[in-house]
N, C-alpha and C. Protein backbone atom coordinates (compact mmCIF):
# COMPACT_ATOMS: atom_id res chain seq x y z
N MET A 1 16.30 47.18 -15.91
CA MET A 1 17.64 47.03 -15.40
C MET A 1 17.71 45.94 -14.34
N ARG A 2 16.71 45.92 -13.44
CA ARG A 2 16.70 44.91 -12.39
C ARG A 2 16.53 43.51 -12.97
N ILE A 3 15.73 43.37 -14.00
CA ILE A 3 15.50 42.05 -14.62
C ILE A 3 16.79 41.54 -15.26
N VAL A 4 17.52 42.42 -15.92
CA VAL A 4 18.79 42.03 -16.53
C VAL A 4 19.77 41.58 -15.47
N ALA A 5 19.87 42.32 -14.37
CA ALA A 5 20.79 41.96 -13.28
C ALA A 5 20.39 40.63 -12.66
N ALA A 6 19.09 40.44 -12.44
CA ALA A 6 18.61 39.18 -11.85
C ALA A 6 18.87 38.01 -12.79
N THR A 7 18.66 38.23 -14.08
CA THR A 7 18.91 37.18 -15.06
C THR A 7 20.40 36.83 -15.11
N ALA A 8 21.24 37.83 -15.09
CA ALA A 8 22.69 37.58 -15.10
C ALA A 8 23.12 36.81 -13.86
N LEU A 9 22.55 37.18 -12.70
CA LEU A 9 22.87 36.47 -11.46
C LEU A 9 22.41 35.02 -11.55
N SER A 10 21.21 34.79 -12.06
CA SER A 10 20.69 33.42 -12.20
C SER A 10 21.57 32.58 -13.11
N VAL A 11 21.97 33.16 -14.24
CA VAL A 11 22.84 32.45 -15.17
C VAL A 11 24.17 32.12 -14.51
N SER A 12 24.73 33.07 -13.76
CA SER A 12 26.00 32.84 -13.06
C SER A 12 25.88 31.74 -12.02
N LEU A 13 24.79 31.76 -11.26
CA LEU A 13 24.60 30.72 -10.24
C LEU A 13 24.43 29.35 -10.88
N PHE A 14 23.65 29.28 -11.98
CA PHE A 14 23.48 28.00 -12.66
C PHE A 14 24.81 27.49 -13.18
N ALA A 15 25.61 28.36 -13.76
CA ALA A 15 26.92 27.95 -14.30
C ALA A 15 27.81 27.42 -13.19
N ALA A 16 27.78 28.06 -12.02
CA ALA A 16 28.62 27.60 -10.91
C ALA A 16 28.16 26.24 -10.41
N VAL A 17 26.85 26.05 -10.29
CA VAL A 17 26.33 24.76 -9.83
C VAL A 17 26.62 23.68 -10.85
N ALA A 18 26.39 23.97 -12.12
CA ALA A 18 26.59 22.97 -13.18
C ALA A 18 28.05 22.55 -13.29
N ALA A 19 28.96 23.43 -12.92
CA ALA A 19 30.39 23.10 -13.00
C ALA A 19 30.88 22.33 -11.78
N SER A 20 30.07 22.23 -10.74
CA SER A 20 30.53 21.57 -9.52
C SER A 20 30.53 20.05 -9.70
N PRO A 21 31.46 19.35 -9.01
CA PRO A 21 31.51 17.89 -9.12
C PRO A 21 30.24 17.22 -8.64
N LEU A 22 29.56 17.77 -7.63
CA LEU A 22 28.35 17.13 -7.13
C LEU A 22 27.24 17.17 -8.18
N PHE A 23 27.12 18.27 -8.93
CA PHE A 23 26.14 18.34 -10.00
C PHE A 23 26.48 17.32 -11.07
N ALA A 24 27.76 17.24 -11.41
CA ALA A 24 28.18 16.29 -12.44
C ALA A 24 27.87 14.86 -12.02
N GLN A 25 28.03 14.56 -10.72
CA GLN A 25 27.76 13.21 -10.26
C GLN A 25 26.29 12.86 -10.44
N SER A 26 25.41 13.82 -10.17
CA SER A 26 23.99 13.52 -10.28
C SER A 26 23.56 13.47 -11.74
N ALA A 27 24.33 14.05 -12.63
CA ALA A 27 23.93 14.14 -14.02
C ALA A 27 24.72 13.19 -14.92
N GLY A 28 25.34 12.18 -14.35
CA GLY A 28 26.16 11.27 -15.14
C GLY A 28 25.36 10.49 -16.16
N ASP A 29 26.05 10.04 -17.18
CA ASP A 29 25.46 9.29 -18.28
C ASP A 29 25.88 7.82 -18.15
N PRO A 30 24.93 6.93 -17.83
CA PRO A 30 25.27 5.52 -17.66
C PRO A 30 25.93 4.88 -18.88
N ALA A 31 25.49 5.25 -20.07
CA ALA A 31 26.09 4.67 -21.29
C ALA A 31 27.56 5.08 -21.40
N ALA A 32 27.86 6.34 -21.12
CA ALA A 32 29.25 6.79 -21.12
C ALA A 32 30.01 6.12 -19.97
N GLY A 33 29.33 5.92 -18.85
CA GLY A 33 29.95 5.25 -17.70
C GLY A 33 30.34 3.82 -17.98
N GLU A 34 29.57 3.15 -18.84
CA GLU A 34 29.92 1.79 -19.23
C GLU A 34 31.25 1.79 -19.97
N ARG A 35 31.47 2.81 -20.78
CA ARG A 35 32.76 2.92 -21.49
C ARG A 35 33.89 3.22 -20.50
N VAL A 36 33.64 4.05 -19.50
CA VAL A 36 34.64 4.34 -18.48
C VAL A 36 34.95 3.06 -17.70
N PHE A 37 33.93 2.25 -17.45
CA PHE A 37 34.10 1.00 -16.70
C PHE A 37 35.06 0.04 -17.39
N ALA A 38 35.29 0.22 -18.67
CA ALA A 38 36.25 -0.64 -19.38
C ALA A 38 37.61 -0.60 -18.69
N GLN A 39 37.94 0.52 -18.05
CA GLN A 39 39.20 0.63 -17.31
C GLN A 39 39.20 -0.25 -16.06
N CYS A 40 38.04 -0.55 -15.54
CA CYS A 40 37.88 -1.30 -14.29
C CYS A 40 37.69 -2.80 -14.53
N ARG A 41 37.25 -3.14 -15.75
CA ARG A 41 36.81 -4.49 -16.08
C ARG A 41 37.88 -5.56 -15.90
N ALA A 42 39.15 -5.20 -15.97
CA ALA A 42 40.20 -6.21 -15.79
C ALA A 42 40.17 -6.80 -14.38
N CYS A 43 39.66 -6.03 -13.43
CA CYS A 43 39.66 -6.49 -12.03
C CYS A 43 38.27 -6.62 -11.41
N HIS A 44 37.29 -5.90 -11.93
CA HIS A 44 35.95 -5.86 -11.33
C HIS A 44 34.88 -6.25 -12.34
N GLN A 45 33.80 -6.83 -11.81
CA GLN A 45 32.65 -7.19 -12.65
C GLN A 45 31.38 -6.62 -12.04
N VAL A 46 30.37 -6.41 -12.90
CA VAL A 46 29.03 -6.05 -12.47
C VAL A 46 28.04 -6.85 -13.31
N GLY A 47 26.83 -6.96 -12.81
CA GLY A 47 25.79 -7.67 -13.55
C GLY A 47 25.40 -8.96 -12.86
N GLU A 48 24.41 -9.61 -13.42
CA GLU A 48 23.85 -10.82 -12.79
C GLU A 48 24.83 -11.98 -12.71
N THR A 49 25.82 -12.03 -13.58
CA THR A 49 26.80 -13.13 -13.54
C THR A 49 28.14 -12.69 -12.93
N ALA A 50 28.17 -11.50 -12.33
CA ALA A 50 29.42 -10.96 -11.78
C ALA A 50 29.97 -11.84 -10.67
N ARG A 51 31.29 -11.99 -10.72
CA ARG A 51 32.00 -12.74 -9.68
C ARG A 51 33.12 -11.85 -9.16
N ASN A 52 33.68 -12.25 -8.05
CA ASN A 52 34.88 -11.59 -7.56
C ASN A 52 36.05 -12.07 -8.39
N GLY A 53 36.94 -11.17 -8.70
CA GLY A 53 38.14 -11.51 -9.45
C GLY A 53 39.34 -10.96 -8.70
N VAL A 54 40.18 -10.25 -9.39
CA VAL A 54 41.30 -9.56 -8.74
C VAL A 54 40.75 -8.57 -7.73
N GLY A 55 39.60 -7.96 -8.07
CA GLY A 55 38.88 -7.06 -7.17
C GLY A 55 37.49 -7.61 -6.92
N PRO A 56 36.80 -7.07 -5.91
CA PRO A 56 35.43 -7.56 -5.63
C PRO A 56 34.46 -7.12 -6.72
N ASN A 57 33.35 -7.85 -6.86
CA ASN A 57 32.32 -7.39 -7.78
C ASN A 57 31.75 -6.09 -7.23
N LEU A 58 31.21 -5.27 -8.12
CA LEU A 58 30.74 -3.95 -7.72
C LEU A 58 29.22 -3.83 -7.75
N ASN A 59 28.53 -4.94 -7.75
CA ASN A 59 27.07 -4.90 -7.66
C ASN A 59 26.65 -4.31 -6.32
N GLY A 60 25.67 -3.43 -6.35
CA GLY A 60 25.16 -2.85 -5.11
C GLY A 60 26.19 -2.04 -4.35
N LEU A 61 27.13 -1.43 -5.06
CA LEU A 61 28.23 -0.71 -4.40
C LEU A 61 27.74 0.37 -3.47
N PHE A 62 26.85 1.23 -3.94
CA PHE A 62 26.45 2.38 -3.14
C PHE A 62 25.47 1.97 -2.05
N GLY A 63 25.84 2.29 -0.82
CA GLY A 63 25.05 1.92 0.34
C GLY A 63 25.62 0.73 1.10
N ARG A 64 26.64 0.08 0.58
CA ARG A 64 27.23 -1.04 1.32
C ARG A 64 28.52 -0.60 2.00
N LYS A 65 28.89 -1.35 3.03
CA LYS A 65 30.13 -1.06 3.75
C LYS A 65 31.33 -1.44 2.90
N ALA A 66 32.36 -0.62 2.99
CA ALA A 66 33.62 -0.92 2.29
C ALA A 66 34.19 -2.21 2.84
N GLY A 67 34.75 -3.01 1.97
CA GLY A 67 35.41 -4.25 2.39
C GLY A 67 34.46 -5.34 2.84
N SER A 68 33.23 -5.33 2.33
CA SER A 68 32.24 -6.27 2.85
C SER A 68 31.70 -7.30 1.85
N VAL A 69 32.28 -7.39 0.67
CA VAL A 69 31.77 -8.36 -0.31
C VAL A 69 32.15 -9.77 0.13
N GLU A 70 31.14 -10.58 0.27
CA GLU A 70 31.32 -11.97 0.70
C GLU A 70 32.27 -12.71 -0.24
N GLY A 71 33.23 -13.40 0.34
CA GLY A 71 34.13 -14.24 -0.44
C GLY A 71 35.32 -13.53 -1.04
N PHE A 72 35.43 -12.22 -0.87
CA PHE A 72 36.59 -11.52 -1.40
C PHE A 72 37.61 -11.29 -0.29
N ASN A 73 38.88 -11.58 -0.59
CA ASN A 73 39.96 -11.41 0.38
C ASN A 73 40.56 -10.01 0.23
N TYR A 74 40.08 -9.09 1.06
CA TYR A 74 40.53 -7.71 1.00
C TYR A 74 41.91 -7.55 1.61
N SER A 75 42.59 -6.51 1.17
CA SER A 75 43.89 -6.17 1.75
C SER A 75 43.68 -5.70 3.19
N PRO A 76 44.70 -5.81 4.04
CA PRO A 76 44.58 -5.35 5.42
C PRO A 76 44.11 -3.90 5.53
N ALA A 77 44.42 -3.08 4.54
CA ALA A 77 43.99 -1.67 4.57
C ALA A 77 42.47 -1.55 4.68
N PHE A 78 41.74 -2.49 4.10
CA PHE A 78 40.28 -2.44 4.15
C PHE A 78 39.72 -3.05 5.42
N LYS A 79 40.58 -3.56 6.26
CA LYS A 79 40.13 -4.14 7.53
C LYS A 79 40.36 -3.20 8.71
N THR A 80 40.98 -2.04 8.44
CA THR A 80 41.19 -1.06 9.51
C THR A 80 39.84 -0.45 9.87
N PRO A 81 39.65 -0.07 11.14
CA PRO A 81 38.35 0.50 11.54
C PRO A 81 37.92 1.71 10.71
N ALA A 82 38.84 2.58 10.37
CA ALA A 82 38.47 3.78 9.61
C ALA A 82 37.88 3.43 8.25
N VAL A 83 38.41 2.43 7.60
CA VAL A 83 37.92 2.05 6.28
C VAL A 83 36.73 1.11 6.40
N ALA A 84 36.79 0.17 7.34
CA ALA A 84 35.72 -0.82 7.48
C ALA A 84 34.39 -0.19 7.87
N GLU A 85 34.40 0.98 8.44
CA GLU A 85 33.16 1.66 8.82
C GLU A 85 32.61 2.53 7.70
N LYS A 86 33.38 2.69 6.62
CA LYS A 86 32.93 3.53 5.50
C LYS A 86 31.79 2.84 4.77
N VAL A 87 30.77 3.60 4.45
CA VAL A 87 29.68 3.13 3.60
C VAL A 87 29.82 3.88 2.29
N TRP A 88 29.87 3.14 1.20
CA TRP A 88 30.09 3.76 -0.10
C TRP A 88 28.92 4.65 -0.50
N SER A 89 29.25 5.86 -0.89
CA SER A 89 28.29 6.82 -1.42
C SER A 89 28.89 7.39 -2.71
N PRO A 90 28.09 8.02 -3.54
CA PRO A 90 28.67 8.65 -4.74
C PRO A 90 29.75 9.67 -4.38
N GLU A 91 29.57 10.36 -3.27
CA GLU A 91 30.55 11.39 -2.88
C GLU A 91 31.88 10.79 -2.46
N ASN A 92 31.87 9.79 -1.57
CA ASN A 92 33.16 9.25 -1.14
C ASN A 92 33.78 8.34 -2.22
N PHE A 93 32.95 7.76 -3.06
CA PHE A 93 33.48 7.01 -4.20
C PHE A 93 34.24 7.95 -5.14
N ALA A 94 33.68 9.15 -5.39
CA ALA A 94 34.34 10.12 -6.27
C ALA A 94 35.72 10.49 -5.73
N VAL A 95 35.83 10.66 -4.43
CA VAL A 95 37.13 10.97 -3.82
C VAL A 95 38.06 9.77 -3.96
N TYR A 96 37.55 8.59 -3.65
CA TYR A 96 38.36 7.38 -3.69
C TYR A 96 38.88 7.07 -5.10
N ILE A 97 38.01 7.14 -6.09
CA ILE A 97 38.39 6.69 -7.44
C ILE A 97 39.37 7.65 -8.11
N ARG A 98 39.50 8.85 -7.60
CA ARG A 98 40.52 9.78 -8.12
C ARG A 98 41.93 9.27 -7.84
N ASN A 99 42.11 8.67 -6.66
CA ASN A 99 43.44 8.19 -6.27
C ASN A 99 43.30 7.17 -5.15
N PRO A 100 42.94 5.93 -5.48
CA PRO A 100 42.67 4.91 -4.46
C PRO A 100 43.82 4.70 -3.47
N ARG A 101 45.05 4.73 -3.94
CA ARG A 101 46.20 4.45 -3.06
C ARG A 101 46.44 5.57 -2.08
N GLU A 102 46.08 6.78 -2.44
CA GLU A 102 46.23 7.91 -1.52
C GLU A 102 45.13 7.89 -0.46
N VAL A 103 43.91 7.57 -0.87
CA VAL A 103 42.77 7.55 0.04
C VAL A 103 42.86 6.37 1.00
N THR A 104 43.31 5.21 0.51
CA THR A 104 43.41 4.01 1.34
C THR A 104 44.83 3.45 1.22
N PRO A 105 45.77 4.05 1.97
CA PRO A 105 47.15 3.55 1.91
C PRO A 105 47.21 2.06 2.27
N GLY A 106 47.96 1.32 1.51
CA GLY A 106 48.10 -0.10 1.76
C GLY A 106 47.14 -0.96 0.96
N THR A 107 46.25 -0.34 0.19
CA THR A 107 45.35 -1.14 -0.64
C THR A 107 46.15 -1.87 -1.72
N ARG A 108 45.65 -3.02 -2.12
CA ARG A 108 46.31 -3.75 -3.21
C ARG A 108 45.85 -3.25 -4.58
N MET A 109 44.87 -2.38 -4.58
CA MET A 109 44.37 -1.84 -5.84
C MET A 109 45.44 -0.96 -6.47
N VAL A 110 45.88 -1.34 -7.65
CA VAL A 110 46.99 -0.63 -8.30
C VAL A 110 46.51 0.38 -9.34
N PHE A 111 45.24 0.61 -9.42
CA PHE A 111 44.66 1.55 -10.38
C PHE A 111 45.12 2.98 -10.07
N ALA A 112 45.56 3.70 -11.10
CA ALA A 112 46.07 5.06 -10.91
C ALA A 112 44.98 6.07 -10.59
N GLY A 113 43.75 5.80 -10.98
CA GLY A 113 42.65 6.70 -10.68
C GLY A 113 42.07 7.37 -11.92
N ILE A 114 40.92 7.99 -11.72
CA ILE A 114 40.23 8.74 -12.77
C ILE A 114 40.18 10.18 -12.29
N ARG A 115 40.69 11.08 -13.08
CA ARG A 115 40.76 12.49 -12.67
C ARG A 115 39.59 13.33 -13.18
N SER A 116 38.94 12.91 -14.23
CA SER A 116 37.87 13.69 -14.85
C SER A 116 36.57 13.61 -14.04
N ASP A 117 36.04 14.77 -13.64
CA ASP A 117 34.76 14.81 -12.94
C ASP A 117 33.66 14.19 -13.78
N ASN A 118 33.67 14.46 -15.07
CA ASN A 118 32.63 13.91 -15.95
C ASN A 118 32.71 12.39 -16.03
N GLN A 119 33.92 11.86 -16.15
CA GLN A 119 34.07 10.40 -16.20
C GLN A 119 33.66 9.76 -14.88
N ILE A 120 33.98 10.40 -13.77
CA ILE A 120 33.57 9.87 -12.46
C ILE A 120 32.05 9.89 -12.35
N ALA A 121 31.42 10.97 -12.79
CA ALA A 121 29.96 11.06 -12.75
C ALA A 121 29.33 9.99 -13.64
N ASP A 122 29.89 9.78 -14.81
CA ASP A 122 29.37 8.76 -15.72
C ASP A 122 29.55 7.36 -15.14
N LEU A 123 30.71 7.09 -14.58
CA LEU A 123 30.97 5.78 -13.96
C LEU A 123 30.01 5.55 -12.80
N THR A 124 29.80 6.57 -12.00
CA THR A 124 28.87 6.47 -10.87
C THR A 124 27.46 6.16 -11.37
N ALA A 125 27.03 6.85 -12.40
CA ALA A 125 25.69 6.60 -12.96
C ALA A 125 25.58 5.17 -13.47
N TYR A 126 26.64 4.67 -14.09
CA TYR A 126 26.64 3.29 -14.58
C TYR A 126 26.55 2.29 -13.43
N LEU A 127 27.39 2.47 -12.41
CA LEU A 127 27.41 1.54 -11.28
C LEU A 127 26.11 1.58 -10.47
N ARG A 128 25.48 2.73 -10.40
CA ARG A 128 24.23 2.87 -9.64
C ARG A 128 23.11 2.02 -10.23
N GLN A 129 23.23 1.60 -11.46
CA GLN A 129 22.21 0.78 -12.11
C GLN A 129 22.14 -0.63 -11.55
N PHE A 130 23.19 -1.09 -10.87
CA PHE A 130 23.26 -2.50 -10.48
C PHE A 130 22.95 -2.70 -9.00
N ALA A 131 21.88 -3.44 -8.75
CA ALA A 131 21.51 -3.79 -7.39
C ALA A 131 22.47 -4.86 -6.86
N ALA A 132 22.34 -5.17 -5.60
CA ALA A 132 23.24 -6.16 -4.97
C ALA A 132 23.19 -7.51 -5.68
N ASP A 133 22.04 -7.86 -6.26
CA ASP A 133 21.91 -9.14 -6.97
C ASP A 133 22.38 -9.05 -8.42
N GLY A 134 22.85 -7.86 -8.83
CA GLY A 134 23.37 -7.69 -10.18
C GLY A 134 22.33 -7.28 -11.20
N LYS A 135 21.07 -7.24 -10.81
CA LYS A 135 20.04 -6.83 -11.75
C LYS A 135 20.06 -5.31 -11.92
N ARG A 136 19.80 -4.89 -13.14
CA ARG A 136 19.75 -3.44 -13.42
C ARG A 136 18.45 -2.89 -12.83
N THR A 137 18.60 -1.77 -12.16
CA THR A 137 17.44 -1.14 -11.53
C THR A 137 16.88 -0.01 -12.38
N GLN A 138 17.60 0.38 -13.42
CA GLN A 138 17.14 1.51 -14.26
C GLN A 138 17.06 1.09 -15.70
């Protein structure tokens, strides 16, 4: 009886963790994320030949300060102290990409956002592959 109860509890805990957005972020699929990135490609680039376009290139996104890509003219919203001190992480990127205009009022980014936790996790996994120089790290 105790083994059955312990097994049921373990299964329940695993299900709760697996359903959480943080678990999904760590388990994203880069190949699926490349397909999600198609929504971003009109404004952003990644890879060794990436340039700034309507939006900044996204090479080396995680770990860099928001609004810091050399040569890109950011909107005033990205120059405010609250945003300029942000360092991109998978967690704050997930919040931002759901609704960029709500998270950073005044941004010129007109993207409506991605609502799916799985798509955000996949996109994050895809973007994490690119170092600051655009080379794939994985």
